[in-house]
Amino acid sequence: DNAKNTVYLQMNSLKPEDTGVYYCAA
């Protein structure tokens, strides 16, 4: 949403292997 200067990551059906630190980059 560029009006809010925000990026999202919707994560569904999560698995244990998705565990970690999530970083945003530009």
PDB file of all heavy atoms in Angstrom:
ATOM      1  N   ASP A   1       0.875  -1.159   0.000  1.00  0.00           N
ATOM      2  CA  ASP A   1       0.000   0.000   0.000  1.00  0.00           C
ATOM      3  C   ASP A   1       0.917   1.214   0.000  1.00  0.00           C
ATOM      4  O   ASP A   1       1.440   1.602   1.050  1.00  0.00           O
ATOM      5  CB  ASP A   1      -0.907  -0.016   1.231  1.00  0.00           C
ATOM      6  CG  ASP A   1      -1.900   1.128   1.243  1.00  0.00           C
ATOM      7  OD1 ASP A   1      -1.693   2.118   0.516  1.00  0.00           O
ATOM      8  OD2 ASP A   1      -2.881   1.047   1.986  1.00  0.00           O
ATOM      9  N   ASN A   2       1.139   1.791  -1.170  1.00  0.00           N
ATOM     10  CA  ASN A   2       2.092   2.891  -1.275  1.00  0.00           C
ATOM     11  C   ASN A   2       1.612   4.139  -0.540  1.00  0.00           C
ATOM     12  O   ASN A   2       2.435   4.950  -0.102  1.00  0.00           O
ATOM     13  CB  ASN A   2       2.382   3.216  -2.734  1.00  0.00           C
ATOM     14  CG  ASN A   2       3.288   2.179  -3.382  1.00  0.00           C
ATOM     15  OD1 ASN A   2       3.910   1.361  -2.699  1.00  0.00           O
ATOM     16  ND2 ASN A   2       3.367   2.208  -4.702  1.00  0.00           N
ATOM     17  N   ALA A   3       0.319   4.291  -0.392  1.00  0.00           N
ATOM     18  CA  ALA A   3      -0.201   5.436   0.357  1.00  0.00           C
ATOM     19  C   ALA A   3       0.225   5.370   1.825  1.00  0.00           C
ATOM     20  O   ALA A   3       0.326   6.394   2.491  1.00  0.00           O
ATOM     21  CB  ALA A   3      -1.722   5.493   0.240  1.00  0.00           C
ATOM     22  N   LYS A   4       0.445   4.158   2.300  1.00  0.00           N
ATOM     23  CA  LYS A   4       0.853   3.956   3.695  1.00  0.00           C
ATOM     24  C   LYS A   4       2.330   3.589   3.804  1.00  0.00           C
ATOM     25  O   LYS A   4       2.806   3.301   4.910  1.00  0.00           O
ATOM     26  CB  LYS A   4       0.009   2.850   4.335  1.00  0.00           C
ATOM     27  CG  LYS A   4      -1.466   3.176   4.421  1.00  0.00           C
ATOM     28  CD  LYS A   4      -2.236   2.038   5.087  1.00  0.00           C
ATOM     29  CE  LYS A   4      -3.721   2.382   5.206  1.00  0.00           C
ATOM     30  NZ  LYS A   4      -4.493   1.274   5.838  1.00  0.00           N
ATOM     31  N   ASN A   5       3.043   3.583   2.692  1.00  0.00           N
ATOM     32  CA  ASN A   5       4.456   3.190   2.680  1.00  0.00           C
ATOM     33  C   ASN A   5       4.667   1.853   3.371  1.00  0.00           C
ATOM     34  O   ASN A   5       5.632   1.671   4.126  1.00  0.00           O
ATOM     35  CB  ASN A   5       5.320   4.268   3.354  1.00  0.00           C
ATOM     36  CG  ASN A   5       5.387   5.538   2.542  1.00  0.00           C
ATOM     37  OD1 ASN A   5       5.325   5.513   1.311  1.00  0.00           O
ATOM     38  ND2 ASN A   5       5.502   6.669   3.220  1.00  0.00           N
ATOM     39  N   THR A   6       3.772   0.919   3.097  1.00  0.00           N
ATOM     40  CA  THR A   6       3.776  -0.364   3.809  1.00  0.00           C
ATOM     41  C   THR A   6       3.719  -1.519   2.819  1.00  0.00           C
ATOM     42  O   THR A   6       2.972  -1.472   1.833  1.00  0.00           O
ATOM     43  CB  THR A   6       2.593  -0.446   4.776  1.00  0.00           C
ATOM     44  OG1 THR A   6       2.671   0.639   5.714  1.00  0.00           O
ATOM     45  CG2 THR A   6       2.627  -1.757   5.553  1.00  0.00           C
ATOM     46  N   VAL A   7       4.477  -2.548   3.111  1.00  0.00           N
ATOM     47  CA  VAL A   7       4.415  -3.803   2.365  1.00  0.00           C
ATOM     48  C   VAL A   7       4.030  -4.901   3.347  1.00  0.00           C
ATOM     49  O   VAL A   7       4.411  -4.860   4.524  1.00  0.00           O
ATOM     50  CB  VAL A   7       5.755  -4.106   1.663  1.00  0.00           C
ATOM     51  CG1 VAL A   7       6.868  -4.317   2.663  1.00  0.00           C
ATOM     52  CG2 VAL A   7       5.624  -5.318   0.750  1.00  0.00           C
ATOM     53  N   TYR A   8       3.252  -5.849   2.858  1.00  0.00           N
ATOM     54  CA  TYR A   8       2.717  -6.917   3.698  1.00  0.00           C
ATOM     55  C   TYR A   8       3.177  -8.279   3.184  1.00  0.00           C
ATOM     56  O   TYR A   8       3.451  -8.454   2.000  1.00  0.00           O
ATOM     57  CB  TYR A   8       1.188  -6.877   3.707  1.00  0.00           C
ATOM     58  CG  TYR A   8       0.607  -5.554   4.110  1.00  0.00           C
ATOM     59  CD1 TYR A   8       0.186  -4.647   3.143  1.00  0.00           C
ATOM     60  CD2 TYR A   8       0.475  -5.217   5.449  1.00  0.00           C
ATOM     61  CE1 TYR A   8      -0.356  -3.419   3.500  1.00  0.00           C
ATOM     62  CE2 TYR A   8      -0.066  -3.996   5.816  1.00  0.00           C
ATOM     63  CZ  TYR A   8      -0.473  -3.110   4.844  1.00  0.00           C
ATOM     64  OH  TYR A   8      -1.007  -1.895   5.211  1.00  0.00           O
ATOM     65  N   LEU A   9       3.189  -9.238   4.097  1.00  0.00           N
ATOM     66  CA  LEU A   9       3.398 -10.629   3.721  1.00  0.00           C
ATOM     67  C   LEU A   9       2.356 -11.459   4.465  1.00  0.00           C
ATOM     68  O   LEU A   9       2.443 -11.632   5.676  1.00  0.00           O
ATOM     69  CB  LEU A   9       4.806 -11.108   4.066  1.00  0.00           C
ATOM     70  CG  LEU A   9       5.125 -12.526   3.599  1.00  0.00           C
ATOM     71  CD1 LEU A   9       5.193 -12.572   2.063  1.00  0.00           C
ATOM     72  CD2 LEU A   9       6.432 -13.034   4.191  1.00  0.00           C
ATOM     73  N   GLN A  10       1.351 -11.897   3.729  1.00  0.00           N
ATOM     74  CA  GLN A  10       0.330 -12.767   4.292  1.00  0.00           C
ATOM     75  C   GLN A  10       0.821 -14.196   4.194  1.00  0.00           C
ATOM     76  O   GLN A  10       1.097 -14.681   3.090  1.00  0.00           O
ATOM     77  CB  GLN A  10      -0.996 -12.609   3.532  1.00  0.00           C
ATOM     78  CG  GLN A  10      -2.102 -13.520   4.032  1.00  0.00           C
ATOM     79  CD  GLN A  10      -2.541 -13.190   5.441  1.00  0.00           C
ATOM     80  OE1 GLN A  10      -2.721 -12.029   5.781  1.00  0.00           O
ATOM     81  NE2 GLN A  10      -2.730 -14.221   6.267  1.00  0.00           N
ATOM     82  N   MET A  11       0.923 -14.856   5.323  1.00  0.00           N
ATOM     83  CA  MET A  11       1.471 -16.212   5.369  1.00  0.00           C
ATOM     84  C   MET A  11       0.382 -17.167   5.854  1.00  0.00           C
ATOM     85  O   MET A  11      -0.081 -17.050   6.994  1.00  0.00           O
ATOM     86  CB  MET A  11       2.684 -16.261   6.297  1.00  0.00           C
ATOM     87  CG  MET A  11       3.759 -15.253   5.940  1.00  0.00           C
ATOM     88  SD  MET A  11       5.251 -15.438   6.924  1.00  0.00           S
ATOM     89  CE  MET A  11       4.639 -15.016   8.547  1.00  0.00           C
ATOM     90  N   ASN A  12      -0.014 -18.079   5.009  1.00  0.00           N
ATOM     91  CA  ASN A  12      -1.037 -19.069   5.334  1.00  0.00           C
ATOM     92  C   ASN A  12      -0.431 -20.476   5.313  1.00  0.00           C
ATOM     93  O   ASN A  12       0.644 -20.686   4.758  1.00  0.00           O
ATOM     94  CB  ASN A  12      -2.189 -18.995   4.338  1.00  0.00           C
ATOM     95  CG  ASN A  12      -2.890 -17.654   4.351  1.00  0.00           C
ATOM     96  OD1 ASN A  12      -2.978 -16.981   5.380  1.00  0.00           O
ATOM     97  ND2 ASN A  12      -3.407 -17.239   3.196  1.00  0.00           N
ATOM     98  N   SER A  13      -1.144 -21.407   5.903  1.00  0.00           N
ATOM     99  CA  SER A  13      -0.702 -22.808   5.917  1.00  0.00           C
ATOM    100  C   SER A  13       0.751 -22.913   6.370  1.00  0.00           C
ATOM    101  O   SER A  13       1.571 -23.597   5.743  1.00  0.00           O
ATOM    102  CB  SER A  13      -0.872 -23.440   4.527  1.00  0.00           C
ATOM    103  OG  SER A  13      -2.218 -23.362   4.113  1.00  0.00           O
ATOM    104  N   LEU A  14       1.051 -22.249   7.460  1.00  0.00           N
ATOM    105  CA  LEU A  14       2.433 -22.200   7.924  1.00  0.00           C
ATOM    106  C   LEU A  14       2.937 -23.565   8.351  1.00  0.00           C
ATOM    107  O   LEU A  14       2.171 -24.401   8.872  1.00  0.00           O
ATOM    108  CB  LEU A  14       2.559 -21.204   9.077  1.00  0.00           C
ATOM    109  CG  LEU A  14       2.585 -19.737   8.626  1.00  0.00           C
ATOM    110  CD1 LEU A  14       2.252 -18.801   9.780  1.00  0.00           C
ATOM    111  CD2 LEU A  14       3.940 -19.390   8.042  1.00  0.00           C
ATOM    112  N   LYS A  15       4.224 -23.780   8.125  1.00  0.00           N
ATOM    113  CA  LYS A  15       4.879 -25.034   8.451  1.00  0.00           C
ATOM    114  C   LYS A  15       6.032 -24.756   9.422  1.00  0.00           C
ATOM    115  O   LYS A  15       6.572 -23.646   9.438  1.00  0.00           O
ATOM    116  CB  LYS A  15       5.448 -25.674   7.179  1.00  0.00           C
ATOM    117  CG  LYS A  15       4.446 -25.900   6.081  1.00  0.00           C
ATOM    118  CD  LYS A  15       5.127 -26.424   4.831  1.00  0.00           C
ATOM    119  CE  LYS A  15       4.135 -26.626   3.700  1.00  0.00           C
ATOM    120  NZ  LYS A  15       4.804 -27.127   2.464  1.00  0.00           N
ATOM    121  N   PRO A  16       6.441 -25.737  10.189  1.00  0.00           N
ATOM    122  CA  PRO A  16       7.575 -25.522  11.101  1.00  0.00           C
ATOM    123  C   PRO A  16       8.819 -25.021  10.371  1.00  0.00           C
ATOM    124  O   PRO A  16       9.583 -24.228  10.938  1.00  0.00           O
ATOM    125  CB  PRO A  16       7.789 -26.910  11.706  1.00  0.00           C
ATOM    126  CG  PRO A  16       6.429 -27.530  11.704  1.00  0.00           C
ATOM    127  CD  PRO A  16       5.798 -27.054  10.420  1.00  0.00           C
ATOM    128  N   GLU A  17       9.017 -25.440   9.144  1.00  0.00           N
ATOM    129  CA  GLU A  17      10.194 -24.998   8.381  1.00  0.00           C
ATOM    130  C   GLU A  17      10.106 -23.541   7.953  1.00  0.00           C
ATOM    131  O   GLU A  17      11.080 -22.996   7.414  1.00  0.00           O
ATOM    132  CB  GLU A  17      10.433 -25.892   7.161  1.00  0.00           C
ATOM    133  CG  GLU A  17       9.226 -26.091   6.286  1.00  0.00           C
ATOM    134  CD  GLU A  17       8.491 -27.401   6.583  1.00  0.00           C
ATOM    135  OE1 GLU A  17       8.301 -27.701   7.781  1.00  0.00           O
ATOM    136  OE2 GLU A  17       8.109 -28.088   5.616  1.00  0.00           O
ATOM    137  N   ASP A  18       8.999 -22.880   8.197  1.00  0.00           N
ATOM    138  CA  ASP A  18       8.883 -21.441   7.937  1.00  0.00           C
ATOM    139  C   ASP A  18       9.431 -20.613   9.100  1.00  0.00           C
ATOM    140  O   ASP A  18       9.512 -19.392   8.999  1.00  0.00           O
ATOM    141  CB  ASP A  18       7.422 -21.041   7.705  1.00  0.00           C
ATOM    142  CG  ASP A  18       6.840 -21.642   6.436  1.00  0.00           C
ATOM    143  OD1 ASP A  18       7.548 -21.663   5.408  1.00  0.00           O
ATOM    144  OD2 ASP A  18       5.675 -22.084   6.473  1.00  0.00           O
ATOM    145  N   THR A  19       9.804 -21.276  10.158  1.00  0.00           N
ATOM    146  CA  THR A  19      10.336 -20.586  11.335  1.00  0.00           C
ATOM    147  C   THR A  19      11.622 -19.840  11.005  1.00  0.00           C
ATOM    148  O   THR A  19      12.492 -20.366  10.307  1.00  0.00           O
ATOM    149  CB  THR A  19      10.601 -21.590  12.462  1.00  0.00           C
ATOM    150  OG1 THR A  19       9.350 -22.133  12.906  1.00  0.00           O
ATOM    151  CG2 THR A  19      11.302 -20.944  13.647  1.00  0.00           C
ATOM    152  N   GLY A  20      11.745 -18.622  11.523  1.00  0.00           N
ATOM    153  CA  GLY A  20      12.949 -17.845  11.310  1.00  0.00           C
ATOM    154  C   GLY A  20      12.693 -16.376  11.576  1.00  0.00           C
ATOM    155  O   GLY A  20      11.576 -15.976  11.922  1.00  0.00           O
ATOM    156  N   VAL A  21      13.734 -15.582  11.413  1.00  0.00           N
ATOM    157  CA  VAL A  21      13.604 -14.134  11.488  1.00  0.00           C
ATOM    158  C   VAL A  21      13.312 -13.633  10.076  1.00  0.00           C
ATOM    159  O   VAL A  21      14.052 -13.943   9.141  1.00  0.00           O
ATOM    160  CB  VAL A  21      14.869 -13.474  12.043  1.00  0.00           C
ATOM    161  CG1 VAL A  21      14.699 -11.955  12.077  1.00  0.00           C
ATOM    162  CG2 VAL A  21      15.177 -14.009  13.435  1.00  0.00           C
ATOM    163  N   TYR A  22      12.255 -12.874   9.945  1.00  0.00           N
ATOM    164  CA  TYR A  22      11.838 -12.353   8.645  1.00  0.00           C
ATOM    165  C   TYR A  22      12.272 -10.892   8.527  1.00  0.00           C
ATOM    166  O   TYR A  22      11.968 -10.077   9.405  1.00  0.00           O
ATOM    167  CB  TYR A  22      10.332 -12.485   8.486  1.00  0.00           C
ATOM    168  CG  TYR A  22       9.915 -13.893   8.123  1.00  0.00           C
ATOM    169  CD1 TYR A  22      10.050 -14.932   9.040  1.00  0.00           C
ATOM    170  CD2 TYR A  22       9.402 -14.195   6.868  1.00  0.00           C
ATOM    171  CE1 TYR A  22       9.698 -16.232   8.708  1.00  0.00           C
ATOM    172  CE2 TYR A  22       9.044 -15.491   6.523  1.00  0.00           C
ATOM    173  CZ  TYR A  22       9.194 -16.497   7.450  1.00  0.00           C
ATOM    174  OH  TYR A  22       8.838 -17.784   7.114  1.00  0.00           O
ATOM    175  N   TYR A  23      12.951 -10.618   7.433  1.00  0.00           N
ATOM    176  CA  TYR A  23      13.478  -9.288   7.181  1.00  0.00           C
ATOM    177  C   TYR A  23      12.820  -8.657   5.961  1.00  0.00           C
ATOM    178  O   TYR A  23      12.601  -9.327   4.947  1.00  0.00           O
ATOM    179  CB  TYR A  23      14.980  -9.343   6.929  1.00  0.00           C
ATOM    180  CG  TYR A  23      15.794  -9.840   8.085  1.00  0.00           C
ATOM    181  CD1 TYR A  23      16.108 -11.190   8.214  1.00  0.00           C
ATOM    182  CD2 TYR A  23      16.267  -8.961   9.053  1.00  0.00           C
ATOM    183  CE1 TYR A  23      16.859 -11.652   9.270  1.00  0.00           C
ATOM    184  CE2 TYR A  23      17.034  -9.417  10.124  1.00  0.00           C
ATOM    185  CZ  TYR A  23      17.321 -10.758  10.219  1.00  0.00           C
ATOM    186  OH  TYR A  23      18.069 -11.216  11.274  1.00  0.00           O
ATOM    187  N   CYS A  24      12.576  -7.381   6.060  1.00  0.00           N
ATOM    188  CA  CYS A  24      12.079  -6.590   4.953  1.00  0.00           C
ATOM    189  C   CYS A  24      13.274  -5.892   4.302  1.00  0.00           C
ATOM    190  O   CYS A  24      14.214  -5.470   5.001  1.00  0.00           O
ATOM    191  CB  CYS A  24      11.086  -5.562   5.503  1.00  0.00           C
ATOM    192  SG  CYS A  24      10.419  -4.416   4.309  1.00  0.00           S
ATOM    193  N   ALA A  25      13.242  -5.772   2.982  1.00  0.00           N
ATOM    194  CA  ALA A  25      14.326  -5.117   2.259  1.00  0.00           C
ATOM    195  C   ALA A  25      13.760  -4.228   1.165  1.00  0.00           C
ATOM    196  O   ALA A  25      12.682  -4.507   0.624  1.00  0.00           O
ATOM    197  CB  ALA A  25      15.265  -6.148   1.650  1.00  0.00           C
ATOM    198  N   ALA A  26      14.498  -3.170   0.850  1.00  0.00           N
ATOM    199  CA  ALA A  26      14.080  -2.239  -0.193  1.00  0.00           C
ATOM    200  C   ALA A  26      15.239  -1.967  -1.139  1.00  0.00           C
ATOM    201  O   ALA A  26      16.377  -1.777  -0.696  1.00  0.00           O
ATOM    202  CB  ALA A  26      13.613  -0.924   0.432  1.00  0.00           C
TER     203      ALA A  26
END
